[in-house]
Amino acid sequence: MAIGWVFVNGKWYYLDASGAMVTGWVQYKDKLYHLKEENGEMSSKELVKVEGGWYYVNEDGSRSDKPAFNVLPDGLIVTTK
């Protein structure tokens, strides 16, 4: 049974200790990685919403340290530095 990171048809997935596909955020070593809810595929080079902020997911699938921008309750977009 495969566990951990697996590469299938050009896409990365993460399987937990029971071999089940993980979705959402996964901590691996010292980084957070995003796995798409709809199919478990690792996100790469895209924005992902987290608690009101949008984070850029790097090419290697790891989340950037700071949000790219936040959306306030009134819909105003505030960029971060």
Protein backbone atom coordinates (compact mmCIF):
# COMPACT_ATOMS: atom_id res chain seq x y z
CA MET A 1 0.00 0.00 0.00
CA ALA A 2 1.33 3.43 -0.94
CA ILE A 3 1.50 6.23 1.63
CA GLY A 4 2.93 9.75 1.52
CA TRP A 5 3.45 11.62 -1.76
CA VAL A 6 2.53 9.79 -4.97
CA PHE A 7 2.87 11.01 -8.58
CA VAL A 8 0.08 9.79 -10.88
CA ASN A 9 -0.51 10.92 -14.48
CA GLY A 10 1.57 14.07 -14.01
CA LYS A 11 -0.09 15.15 -10.73
CA TRP A 12 0.97 14.91 -7.06
CA TYR A 13 -1.30 13.47 -4.35
CA TYR A 14 -0.77 12.73 -0.65
CA LEU A 15 -1.94 9.49 0.97
CA ASP A 16 -2.25 9.18 4.76
CA ALA A 17 -1.04 6.25 6.90
CA SER A 18 -4.13 4.19 5.94
CA GLY A 19 -3.59 4.90 2.22
CA ALA A 20 -6.54 7.32 1.97
CA MET A 21 -6.17 10.40 -0.23
CA VAL A 22 -5.80 13.64 1.76
CA THR A 23 -7.52 16.92 0.76
CA GLY A 24 -7.16 20.43 2.15
CA TRP A 25 -3.94 21.46 3.88
CA VAL A 26 -1.26 18.98 4.85
CA GLN A 27 1.83 19.69 6.95
CA TYR A 28 4.87 17.96 5.50
CA LYS A 29 8.20 18.59 7.19
CA ASP A 30 8.33 22.37 7.74
CA LYS A 31 5.83 23.44 5.02
CA LEU A 32 2.08 23.49 4.37
CA TYR A 33 0.80 22.05 1.10
CA HIS A 34 -2.65 22.44 -0.44
CA LEU A 35 -4.50 19.47 -1.91
CA LYS A 36 -7.68 20.29 -3.84
CA GLU A 37 -10.95 19.30 -2.15
CA GLU A 38 -12.54 18.04 -5.38
CA ASN A 39 -9.85 15.53 -6.37
CA GLY A 40 -6.88 15.62 -3.95
CA GLU A 41 -4.52 17.00 -6.60
CA MET A 42 -1.74 19.21 -5.21
CA SER A 43 -2.27 22.90 -5.98
CA SER A 44 0.58 24.65 -7.79
CA LYS A 45 1.16 28.26 -8.85
CA GLU A 46 -2.32 29.44 -7.82
CA LEU A 47 -4.23 31.38 -5.17
CA VAL A 48 -6.05 29.47 -2.41
CA LYS A 49 -8.49 31.02 0.09
CA VAL A 50 -7.66 30.55 3.77
CA GLU A 51 -9.74 32.17 6.54
CA GLY A 52 -10.52 35.36 4.63
CA GLY A 53 -7.06 35.69 3.12
CA TRP A 54 -5.77 34.40 -0.20
CA TYR A 55 -2.40 32.63 -0.21
CA TYR A 56 -0.21 31.96 -3.19
CA VAL A 57 0.75 28.31 -3.54
CA ASN A 58 4.26 28.00 -4.95
CA GLU A 59 5.24 25.78 -7.88
CA ASP A 60 6.31 23.04 -5.44
CA GLY A 61 2.82 23.13 -3.83
CA SER A 62 3.95 24.83 -0.61
CA ARG A 63 2.03 27.80 0.76
CA SER A 64 3.70 31.20 0.82
CA ASP A 65 4.31 32.59 4.32
CA LYS A 66 2.01 35.61 4.07
CA PRO A 67 -1.38 36.10 2.40
CA ALA A 68 -1.27 37.73 -1.04
CA PHE A 69 -4.33 39.78 -0.09
CA ASN A 70 -7.32 39.83 2.27
CA VAL A 71 -10.98 40.41 1.43
CA LEU A 72 -12.78 42.49 4.07
CA PRO A 73 -16.46 41.80 4.96
CA ASP A 74 -17.55 44.72 2.76
CA GLY A 75 -15.73 43.17 -0.22
CA LEU A 76 -12.78 45.57 -0.17
CA ILE A 77 -9.55 43.88 -1.23
CA VAL A 78 -6.49 44.77 0.86
CA THR A 79 -3.07 43.74 -0.39
CA THR A 80 -0.39 42.62 2.05
CA LYS A 81 3.35 43.18 1.97
